[in-house]
Amino acid sequence: MSANVYSSLSNTTVYTDKLEISTTTANATLQVYAVALGTAAAAGNIYSAPISIPEQTVYQTYVGAGNKVTVVSTATFTALELGTASSAQQGVIGAGSY
């Protein structure tokens, strides 16, 4: 399976455990919402506060396959899925491991 590349993420389901986010001329904030096992409903942010990513930065982070991700920035950014879908959530939803 090829990795997905995103130029916008708003409550978007991701399919691997990690993301690499590259910012351009502005900071970005990242929020990762855990979904309730067996459902597609967001259950809450997995980090205690939004992650701030400085401009002109390449940042890798855990997001968990099957969870929902939002990235907000006033400039362009890209987000690349990395690795495999190995979280327990994937088995519950039925997508399996890649």
PDB file of N, CA and C in Angstrom:
ATOM      1  N   MET A   1       0.851  -1.183   0.000  1.00  0.00           N
ATOM      2  CA  MET A   1       0.000   0.000   0.000  1.00  0.00           C
ATOM      3  C   MET A   1       0.889   1.236   0.000  1.00  0.00           C
ATOM      4  N   SER A   2       0.571   2.193  -0.841  1.00  0.00           N
ATOM      5  CA  SER A   2       1.351   3.433  -0.862  1.00  0.00           C
ATOM      6  C   SER A   2       0.868   4.372   0.243  1.00  0.00           C
ATOM      7  N   ALA A   3       1.797   5.188   0.730  1.00  0.00           N
ATOM      8  CA  ALA A   3       1.475   6.124   1.802  1.00  0.00           C
ATOM      9  C   ALA A   3       0.666   7.290   1.256  1.00  0.00           C
ATOM     10  N   ASN A   4      -0.263   7.771   2.066  1.00  0.00           N
ATOM     11  CA  ASN A   4      -1.044   8.950   1.698  1.00  0.00           C
ATOM     12  C   ASN A   4      -0.262  10.213   2.029  1.00  0.00           C
ATOM     13  N   VAL A   5      -0.397  11.215   1.166  1.00  0.00           N
ATOM     14  CA  VAL A   5       0.185  12.533   1.402  1.00  0.00           C
ATOM     15  C   VAL A   5      -0.969  13.518   1.439  1.00  0.00           C
ATOM     16  N   TYR A   6      -1.004  14.353   2.470  1.00  0.00           N
ATOM     17  CA  TYR A   6      -2.102  15.292   2.665  1.00  0.00           C
ATOM     18  C   TYR A   6      -1.594  16.732   2.594  1.00  0.00           C
ATOM     19  N   SER A   7      -2.425  17.609   2.050  1.00  0.00           N
ATOM     20  CA  SER A   7      -2.138  19.046   2.106  1.00  0.00           C
ATOM     21  C   SER A   7      -3.153  19.759   2.990  1.00  0.00           C
ATOM     22  N   SER A   8      -4.121  19.014   3.507  1.00  0.00           N
ATOM     23  CA  SER A   8      -5.053  19.522   4.514  1.00  0.00           C
ATOM     24  C   SER A   8      -5.529  18.326   5.335  1.00  0.00           C
ATOM     25  N   LEU A   9      -5.706  18.556   6.618  1.00  0.00           N
ATOM     26  CA  LEU A   9      -6.201  17.519   7.523  1.00  0.00           C
ATOM     27  C   LEU A   9      -7.163  18.165   8.502  1.00  0.00           C
ATOM     28  N   SER A  10      -8.415  17.773   8.437  1.00  0.00           N
ATOM     29  CA  SER A  10      -9.413  18.286   9.364  1.00  0.00           C
ATOM     30  C   SER A  10     -10.285  17.123   9.807  1.00  0.00           C
ATOM     31  N   ASN A  11      -9.991  16.603  11.004  1.00  0.00           N
ATOM     32  CA  ASN A  11     -10.712  15.451  11.523  1.00  0.00           C
ATOM     33  C   ASN A  11     -10.662  14.286  10.528  1.00  0.00           C
ATOM     34  N   THR A  12      -9.474  14.064   9.963  1.00  0.00           N
ATOM     35  CA  THR A  12      -9.256  13.070   8.918  1.00  0.00           C
ATOM     36  C   THR A  12      -8.692  11.786   9.513  1.00  0.00           C
ATOM     37  N   THR A  13      -9.250  10.656   9.142  1.00  0.00           N
ATOM     38  CA  THR A  13      -8.739   9.366   9.581  1.00  0.00           C
ATOM     39  C   THR A  13      -7.411   9.090   8.892  1.00  0.00           C
ATOM     40  N   VAL A  14      -6.408   8.698   9.679  1.00  0.00           N
ATOM     41  CA  VAL A  14      -5.107   8.330   9.127  1.00  0.00           C
ATOM     42  C   VAL A  14      -4.947   6.817   9.184  1.00  0.00           C
ATOM     43  N   TYR A  15      -4.098   6.272   8.296  1.00  0.00           N
ATOM     44  CA  TYR A  15      -4.025   4.821   8.128  1.00  0.00           C
ATOM     45  C   TYR A  15      -2.688   4.219   8.523  1.00  0.00           C
ATOM     46  N   THR A  16      -1.787   5.018   9.091  1.00  0.00           N
ATOM     47  CA  THR A  16      -0.537   4.500   9.642  1.00  0.00           C
ATOM     48  C   THR A  16      -0.351   5.084  11.039  1.00  0.00           C
ATOM     49  N   ASP A  17       0.630   4.563  11.756  1.00  0.00           N
ATOM     50  CA  ASP A  17       0.841   4.999  13.138  1.00  0.00           C
ATOM     51  C   ASP A  17       1.597   6.310  13.267  1.00  0.00           C
ATOM     52  N   LYS A  18       2.317   6.727  12.219  1.00  0.00           N
ATOM     53  CA  LYS A  18       3.105   7.958  12.317  1.00  0.00           C
ATOM     54  C   LYS A  18       2.795   8.890  11.155  1.00  0.00           C
ATOM     55  N   LEU A  19       2.990  10.181  11.394  1.00  0.00           N
ATOM     56  CA  LEU A  19       2.907  11.205  10.349  1.00  0.00           C
ATOM     57  C   LEU A  19       4.187  12.029  10.358  1.00  0.00           C
ATOM     58  N   GLU A  20       4.592  12.448   9.164  1.00  0.00           N
ATOM     59  CA  GLU A  20       5.674  13.419   9.031  1.00  0.00           C
ATOM     60  C   GLU A  20       5.052  14.692   8.466  1.00  0.00           C
ATOM     61  N   ILE A  21       5.115  15.766   9.236  1.00  0.00           N
ATOM     62  CA  ILE A  21       4.495  17.031   8.848  1.00  0.00           C
ATOM     63  C   ILE A  21       5.593  18.019   8.508  1.00  0.00           C
ATOM     64  N   SER A  22       5.511  18.600   7.319  1.00  0.00           N
ATOM     65  CA  SER A  22       6.479  19.598   6.871  1.00  0.00           C
ATOM     66  C   SER A  22       5.771  20.934   6.735  1.00  0.00           C
ATOM     67  N   THR A  23       6.230  21.913   7.516  1.00  0.00           N
ATOM     68  CA  THR A  23       5.624  23.241   7.456  1.00  0.00           C
ATOM     69  C   THR A  23       6.422  24.139   6.513  1.00  0.00           C
ATOM     70  N   THR A  24       5.794  25.206   6.066  1.00  0.00           N
ATOM     71  CA  THR A  24       6.473  26.148   5.179  1.00  0.00           C
ATOM     72  C   THR A  24       6.687  27.461   5.921  1.00  0.00           C
ATOM     73  N   THR A  25       5.956  28.503   5.575  1.00  0.00           N
ATOM     74  CA  THR A  25       6.236  29.848   6.098  1.00  0.00           C
ATOM     75  C   THR A  25       5.457  30.220   7.354  1.00  0.00           C
ATOM     76  N   ALA A  26       4.763  29.266   7.961  1.00  0.00           N
ATOM     77  CA  ALA A  26       4.008  29.561   9.186  1.00  0.00           C
ATOM     78  C   ALA A  26       4.006  28.343  10.096  1.00  0.00           C
ATOM     79  N   ASN A  27       3.822  28.588  11.381  1.00  0.00           N
ATOM     80  CA  ASN A  27       3.671  27.510  12.353  1.00  0.00           C
ATOM     81  C   ASN A  27       2.398  26.719  12.048  1.00  0.00           C
ATOM     82  N   ALA A  28       2.340  25.520  12.597  1.00  0.00           N
ATOM     83  CA  ALA A  28       1.135  24.700  12.491  1.00  0.00           C
ATOM     84  C   ALA A  28       0.837  24.114  13.859  1.00  0.00           C
ATOM     85  N   THR A  29      -0.419  23.764  14.093  1.00  0.00           N
ATOM     86  CA  THR A  29      -0.780  23.027  15.301  1.00  0.00           C
ATOM     87  C   THR A  29      -1.398  21.704  14.889  1.00  0.00           C
ATOM     88  N   LEU A  30      -1.133  20.699  15.695  1.00  0.00           N
ATOM     89  CA  LEU A  30      -1.574  19.335  15.424  1.00  0.00           C
ATOM     90  C   LEU A  30      -2.402  18.848  16.595  1.00  0.00           C
ATOM     91  N   GLN A  31      -3.551  18.251  16.298  1.00  0.00           N
ATOM     92  CA  GLN A  31      -4.347  17.573  17.312  1.00  0.00           C
ATOM     93  C   GLN A  31      -4.684  16.190  16.792  1.00  0.00           C
ATOM     94  N   VAL A  32      -4.583  15.200  17.672  1.00  0.00           N
ATOM     95  CA  VAL A  32      -4.895  13.820  17.318  1.00  0.00           C
ATOM     96  C   VAL A  32      -6.009  13.355  18.232  1.00  0.00           C
ATOM     97  N   TYR A  33      -7.115  12.964  17.642  1.00  0.00           N
ATOM     98  CA  TYR A  33      -8.273  12.504  18.398  1.00  0.00           C
ATOM     99  C   TYR A  33      -8.344  10.990  18.345  1.00  0.00           C
ATOM    100  N   ALA A  34      -8.308  10.368  19.508  1.00  0.00           N
ATOM    101  CA  ALA A  34      -8.494   8.922  19.584  1.00  0.00           C
ATOM    102  C   ALA A  34      -9.946   8.611  19.293  1.00  0.00           C
ATOM    103  N   VAL A  35     -10.167   7.555  18.559  1.00  0.00           N
ATOM    104  CA  VAL A  35     -11.550   7.138  18.312  1.00  0.00           C
ATOM    105  C   VAL A  35     -11.895   6.006  19.265  1.00  0.00           C
ATOM    106  N   ALA A  36     -13.129   5.942  19.665  1.00  0.00           N
ATOM    107  CA  ALA A  36     -13.585   4.886  20.567  1.00  0.00           C
ATOM    108  C   ALA A  36     -13.444   3.548  19.856  1.00  0.00           C
ATOM    109  N   LEU A  37     -12.911   2.562  20.548  1.00  0.00           N
ATOM    110  CA  LEU A  37     -12.714   1.252  19.922  1.00  0.00           C
ATOM    111  C   LEU A  37     -14.025   0.716  19.367  1.00  0.00           C
ATOM    112  N   GLY A  38     -13.970   0.282  18.115  1.00  0.00           N
ATOM    113  CA  GLY A  38     -15.143  -0.286  17.469  1.00  0.00           C
ATOM    114  C   GLY A  38     -16.070   0.731  16.840  1.00  0.00           C
ATOM    115  N   THR A  39     -15.731   2.032  16.944  1.00  0.00           N
ATOM    116  CA  THR A  39     -16.574   3.059  16.334  1.00  0.00           C
ATOM    117  C   THR A  39     -15.698   4.031  15.564  1.00  0.00           C
ATOM    118  N   ALA A  40     -16.306   4.948  14.866  1.00  0.00           N
ATOM    119  CA  ALA A  40     -15.556   5.992  14.164  1.00  0.00           C
ATOM    120  C   ALA A  40     -15.701   7.334  14.875  1.00  0.00           C
ATOM    121  N   ALA A  41     -16.275   7.332  16.073  1.00  0.00           N
ATOM    122  CA  ALA A  41     -16.508   8.577  16.808  1.00  0.00           C
ATOM    123  C   ALA A  41     -15.261   9.002  17.574  1.00  0.00           C
ATOM    124  N   ALA A  42     -14.923  10.278  17.510  1.00  0.00           N
ATOM    125  CA  ALA A  42     -13.774  10.787  18.250  1.00  0.00           C
ATOM    126  C   ALA A  42     -14.039  10.681  19.746  1.00  0.00           C
ATOM    127  N   ALA A  43     -13.034  10.181  20.503  1.00  0.00           N
ATOM    128  CA  ALA A  43     -13.199  10.000  21.942  1.00  0.00           C
ATOM    129  C   ALA A  43     -12.413  11.023  22.746  1.00  0.00           C
ATOM    130  N   GLY A  44     -11.480  11.724  22.125  1.00  0.00           N
ATOM    131  CA  GLY A  44     -10.712  12.739  22.834  1.00  0.00           C
ATOM    132  C   GLY A  44      -9.299  12.867  22.312  1.00  0.00           C
ATOM    133  N   ASN A  45      -8.676  13.991  22.606  1.00  0.00           N
ATOM    134  CA  ASN A  45      -7.325  14.272  22.152  1.00  0.00           C
ATOM    135  C   ASN A  45      -6.343  13.348  22.865  1.00  0.00           C
ATOM    136  N   ILE A  46      -5.422  12.698  22.135  1.00  0.00           N
ATOM    137  CA  ILE A  46      -4.469  11.790  22.777  1.00  0.00           C
ATOM    138  C   ILE A  46      -3.330  12.541  23.459  1.00  0.00           C
ATOM    139  N   TYR A  47      -3.122  13.804  23.097  1.00  0.00           N
ATOM    140  CA  TYR A  47      -2.110  14.634  23.753  1.00  0.00           C
ATOM    141  C   TYR A  47      -2.822  15.644  24.648  1.00  0.00           C
ATOM    142  N   SER A  48      -2.185  16.036  25.752  1.00  0.00           N
ATOM    143  CA  SER A  48      -2.840  16.923  26.714  1.00  0.00           C
ATOM    144  C   SER A  48      -3.066  18.328  26.179  1.00  0.00           C
ATOM    145  N   ALA A  49      -2.312  18.712  25.140  1.00  0.00           N
ATOM    146  CA  ALA A  49      -2.466  20.025  24.507  1.00  0.00           C
ATOM    147  C   ALA A  49      -2.086  19.881  23.037  1.00  0.00           C
ATOM    148  N   PRO A  50      -2.598  20.767  22.180  1.00  0.00           N
ATOM    149  CA  PRO A  50      -2.189  20.716  20.772  1.00  0.00           C
ATOM    150  C   PRO A  50      -0.673  20.849  20.638  1.00  0.00           C
ATOM    151  N   ILE A  51      -0.099  20.149  19.682  1.00  0.00           N
ATOM    152  CA  ILE A  51       1.339  20.218  19.413  1.00  0.00           C
ATOM    153  C   ILE A  51       1.598  21.380  18.475  1.00  0.00           C
ATOM    154  N   SER A  52       2.546  22.227  18.823  1.00  0.00           N
ATOM    155  CA  SER A  52       2.921  23.357  17.979  1.00  0.00           C
ATOM    156  C   SER A  52       4.155  22.974  17.171  1.00  0.00           C
ATOM    157  N   ILE A  53       4.057  23.137  15.850  1.00  0.00           N
ATOM    158  CA  ILE A  53       5.155  22.810  14.947  1.00  0.00           C
ATOM    159  C   ILE A  53       5.653  24.115  14.329  1.00  0.00           C
ATOM    160  N   PRO A  54       6.917  24.476  14.546  1.00  0.00           N
ATOM    161  CA  PRO A  54       7.440  25.739  14.016  1.00  0.00           C
ATOM    162  C   PRO A  54       7.479  25.759  12.489  1.00  0.00           C
ATOM    163  N   GLU A  55       7.522  26.955  11.936  1.00  0.00           N
ATOM    164  CA  GLU A  55       7.651  27.093  10.479  1.00  0.00           C
ATOM    165  C   GLU A  55       8.977  26.483  10.015  1.00  0.00           C
ATOM    166  N   GLN A  56       9.003  26.088   8.741  1.00  0.00           N
ATOM    167  CA  GLN A  56      10.195  25.508   8.108  1.00  0.00           C
ATOM    168  C   GLN A  56      10.742  24.308   8.888  1.00  0.00           C
ATOM    169  N   THR A  57       9.833  23.440   9.327  1.00  0.00           N
ATOM    170  CA  THR A  57      10.218  22.284  10.146  1.00  0.00           C
ATOM    171  C   THR A  57       9.649  21.006   9.550  1.00  0.00           C
ATOM    172  N   VAL A  58      10.414  19.931   9.679  1.00  0.00           N
ATOM    173  CA  VAL A  58       9.911  18.591   9.377  1.00  0.00           C
ATOM    174  C   VAL A  58       9.782  17.884  10.722  1.00  0.00           C
ATOM    175  N   TYR A  59       8.565  17.448  11.058  1.00  0.00           N
ATOM    176  CA  TYR A  59       8.248  16.931  12.383  1.00  0.00           C
ATOM    177  C   TYR A  59       7.573  15.572  12.249  1.00  0.00           C
ATOM    178  N   GLN A  60       8.103  14.561  12.924  1.00  0.00           N
ATOM    179  CA  GLN A  60       7.488  13.246  12.931  1.00  0.00           C
ATOM    180  C   GLN A  60       6.840  12.991  14.281  1.00  0.00           C
ATOM    181  N   THR A  61       5.649  12.377  14.251  1.00  0.00           N
ATOM    182  CA  THR A  61       4.935  12.130  15.503  1.00  0.00           C
ATOM    183  C   THR A  61       4.049  10.890  15.394  1.00  0.00           C
ATOM    184  N   TYR A  62       3.767  10.306  16.539  1.00  0.00           N
ATOM    185  CA  TYR A  62       2.815   9.196  16.622  1.00  0.00           C
ATOM    186  C   TYR A  62       1.396   9.746  16.527  1.00  0.00           C
ATOM    187  N   VAL A  63       0.577   9.119  15.692  1.00  0.00           N
ATOM    188  CA  VAL A  63      -0.835   9.500  15.614  1.00  0.00           C
ATOM    189  C   VAL A  63      -1.765   8.309  15.827  1.00  0.00           C
ATOM    190  N   GLY A  64      -1.314   7.116  15.535  1.00  0.00           N
ATOM    191  CA  GLY A  64      -2.128   5.923  15.727  1.00  0.00           C
ATOM    192  C   GLY A  64      -3.076   5.669  14.572  1.00  0.00           C
ATOM    193  N   ALA A  65      -2.866   4.579  13.881  1.00  0.00           N
ATOM    194  CA  ALA A  65      -3.721   4.229  12.748  1.00  0.00           C
ATOM    195  C   ALA A  65      -5.175   4.161  13.176  1.00  0.00           C
ATOM    196  N   GLY A  66      -6.046   4.762  12.378  1.00  0.00           N
ATOM    197  CA  GLY A  66      -7.472   4.767  12.665  1.00  0.00           C
ATOM    198  C   GLY A  66      -7.940   5.980  13.432  1.00  0.00           C
ATOM    199  N   ASN A  67      -7.011   6.749  14.009  1.00  0.00           N
ATOM    200  CA  ASN A  67      -7.392   7.962  14.734  1.00  0.00           C
ATOM    201  C   ASN A  67      -7.613   9.119  13.767  1.00  0.00           C
ATOM    202  N   LYS A  68      -8.171  10.202  14.271  1.00  0.00           N
ATOM    203  CA  LYS A  68      -8.496  11.365  13.436  1.00  0.00           C
ATOM    204  C   LYS A  68      -7.545  12.509  13.749  1.00  0.00           C
ATOM    205  N   VAL A  69      -7.029  13.149  12.699  1.00  0.00           N
ATOM    206  CA  VAL A  69      -5.996  14.177  12.832  1.00  0.00           C
ATOM    207  C   VAL A  69      -6.481  15.490  12.239  1.00  0.00           C
ATOM    208  N   THR A  70      -6.149  16.585  12.940  1.00  0.00           N
ATOM    209  CA  THR A  70      -6.397  17.935  12.441  1.00  0.00           C
ATOM    210  C   THR A  70      -5.092  18.714  12.522  1.00  0.00           C
ATOM    211  N   VAL A  71      -4.711  19.353  11.402  1.00  0.00           N
ATOM    212  CA  VAL A  71      -3.559  20.251  11.372  1.00  0.00           C
ATOM    213  C   VAL A  71      -4.067  21.604  10.903  1.00  0.00           C
ATOM    214  N   VAL A  72      -3.702  22.655  11.642  1.00  0.00           N
ATOM    215  CA  VAL A  72      -4.130  24.009  11.310  1.00  0.00           C
ATOM    216  C   VAL A  72      -2.889  24.859  11.091  1.00  0.00           C
ATOM    217  N   SER A  73      -2.862  25.581   9.961  1.00  0.00           N
ATOM    218  CA  SER A  73      -1.764  26.496   9.662  1.00  0.00           C
ATOM    219  C   SER A  73      -2.284  27.582   8.735  1.00  0.00           C
ATOM    220  N   THR A  74      -1.674  28.767   8.816  1.00  0.00           N
ATOM    221  CA  THR A  74      -2.058  29.854   7.911  1.00  0.00           C
ATOM    222  C   THR A  74      -1.297  29.766   6.590  1.00  0.00           C
ATOM    223  N   ALA A  75      -0.358  28.832   6.493  1.00  0.00           N
ATOM    224  CA  ALA A  75       0.399  28.611   5.256  1.00  0.00           C
ATOM    225  C   ALA A  75       0.241  27.145   4.845  1.00  0.00           C
ATOM    226  N   THR A  76       0.845  26.788   3.745  1.00  0.00           N
ATOM    227  CA  THR A  76       0.748  25.413   3.272  1.00  0.00           C
ATOM    228  C   THR A  76       1.613  24.492   4.131  1.00  0.00           C
ATOM    229  N   PHE A  77       1.235  23.228   4.157  1.00  0.00           N
ATOM    230  CA  PHE A  77       2.016  22.183   4.820  1.00  0.00           C
ATOM    231  C   PHE A  77       1.730  20.882   4.090  1.00  0.00           C
ATOM    232  N   THR A  78       2.556  19.883   4.312  1.00  0.00           N
ATOM    233  CA  THR A  78       2.267  18.541   3.825  1.00  0.00           C
ATOM    234  C   THR A  78       2.401  17.571   4.989  1.00  0.00           C
ATOM    235  N   ALA A  79       1.620  16.535   4.947  1.00  0.00           N
ATOM    236  CA  ALA A  79       1.680  15.483   5.954  1.00  0.00           C
ATOM    237  C   ALA A  79       1.759  14.147   5.217  1.00  0.00           C
ATOM    238  N   LEU A  80       2.763  13.373   5.548  1.00  0.00           N
ATOM    239  CA  LEU A  80       3.017  12.091   4.906  1.00  0.00           C
ATOM    240  C   LEU A  80       2.840  10.982   5.926  1.00  0.00           C
ATOM    241  N   GLU A  81       2.041   9.967   5.573  1.00  0.00           N
ATOM    242  CA  GLU A  81       1.905   8.808   6.449  1.00  0.00           C
ATOM    243  C   GLU A  81       3.196   7.999   6.400  1.00  0.00           C
ATOM    244  N   LEU A  82       3.662   7.553   7.567  1.00  0.00           N
ATOM    245  CA  LEU A  82       4.884   6.759   7.675  1.00  0.00           C
ATOM    246  C   LEU A  82       4.595   5.439   8.356  1.00  0.00           C
ATOM    247  N   GLY A  83       5.334   4.417   7.987  1.00  0.00           N
ATOM    248  CA  GLY A  83       5.255   3.142   8.688  1.00  0.00           C
ATOM    249  C   GLY A  83       4.056   2.310   8.291  1.00  0.00           C
ATOM    250  N   THR A  84       3.576   1.561   9.270  1.00  0.00           N
ATOM    251  CA  THR A  84       2.486   0.619   9.028  1.00  0.00           C
ATOM    252  C   THR A  84       1.318   0.916   9.955  1.00  0.00           C
ATOM    253  N   ALA A  85       0.246   0.212   9.706  1.00  0.00           N
ATOM    254  CA  ALA A  85      -0.928   0.320  10.573  1.00  0.00           C
ATOM    255  C   ALA A  85      -0.826  -0.796  11.607  1.00  0.00           C
ATOM    256  N   SER A  86      -0.251  -0.497  12.753  1.00  0.00           N
ATOM    257  CA  SER A  86      -0.038  -1.542  13.746  1.00  0.00           C
ATOM    258  C   SER A  86      -0.794  -1.317  15.045  1.00  0.00           C
ATOM    259  N   SER A  87      -1.571  -0.245  15.133  1.00  0.00           N
ATOM    260  CA  SER A  87      -2.262   0.003  16.396  1.00  0.00           C
ATOM    261  C   SER A  87      -3.435  -0.955  16.570  1.00  0.00           C
ATOM    262  N   ALA A  88      -3.832  -1.130  17.805  1.00  0.00           N
ATOM    263  CA  ALA A  88      -4.947  -2.024  18.106  1.00  0.00           C
ATOM    264  C   ALA A  88      -6.235  -1.558  17.438  1.00  0.00           C
ATOM    265  N   GLN A  89      -6.372  -0.242  17.253  1.00  0.00           N
ATOM    266  CA  GLN A  89      -7.592   0.292  16.644  1.00  0.00           C
ATOM    267  C   GLN A  89      -7.829  -0.303  15.257  1.00  0.00           C
ATOM    268  N   GLN A  90      -6.787  -0.488  14.469  1.00  0.00           N
ATOM    269  CA  GLN A  90      -6.957  -1.019  13.122  1.00  0.00           C
ATOM    270  C   GLN A  90      -7.610  -2.394  13.135  1.00  0.00           C
ATOM    271  N   GLY A  91      -7.237  -3.254  14.072  1.00  0.00           N
ATOM    272  CA  GLY A  91      -7.836  -4.571  14.137  1.00  0.00           C
ATOM    273  C   GLY A  91      -9.308  -4.528  14.483  1.00  0.00           C
ATOM    274  N   VAL A  92      -9.703  -3.556  15.286  1.00  0.00           N
ATOM    275  CA  VAL A  92     -11.096  -3.420  15.699  1.00  0.00           C
ATOM    276  C   VAL A  92     -11.953  -2.952  14.541  1.00  0.00           C
ATOM    277  N   ILE A  93     -11.459  -1.955  13.808  1.00  0.00           N
ATOM    278  CA  ILE A  93     -12.218  -1.434  12.686  1.00  0.00           C
ATOM    279  C   ILE A  93     -12.203  -2.393  11.510  1.00  0.00           C
ATOM    280  N   GLY A  94     -11.172  -3.250  11.428  1.00  0.00           N
ATOM    281  CA  GLY A  94     -11.155  -4.263  10.403  1.00  0.00           C
ATOM    282  C   GLY A  94     -10.280  -3.950   9.209  1.00  0.00           C
ATOM    283  N   ALA A  95      -9.464  -2.902   9.278  1.00  0.00           N
ATOM    284  CA  ALA A  95      -8.605  -2.567   8.140  1.00  0.00           C
ATOM    285  C   ALA A  95      -7.386  -3.481   8.091  1.00  0.00           C
ATOM    286  N   GLY A  96      -7.020  -4.109   9.208  1.00  0.00           N
ATOM    287  CA  GLY A  96      -5.886  -4.993   9.241  1.00  0.00           C
ATOM    288  C   GLY A  96      -4.563  -4.260   9.231  1.00  0.00           C
ATOM    289  N   SER A  97      -3.491  -5.009   9.224  1.00  0.00           N
ATOM    290  CA  SER A  97      -2.149  -4.437   9.175  1.00  0.00           C
ATOM    291  C   SER A  97      -1.636  -4.455   7.752  1.00  0.00           C
ATOM    292  N   TYR A  98      -0.796  -3.497   7.451  1.00  0.00           N
ATOM    293  CA  TYR A  98      -0.244  -3.414   6.098  1.00  0.00           C
ATOM    294  C   TYR A  98       1.208  -3.820   6.116  1.00  0.00           C
TER     295      TYR A  98
END
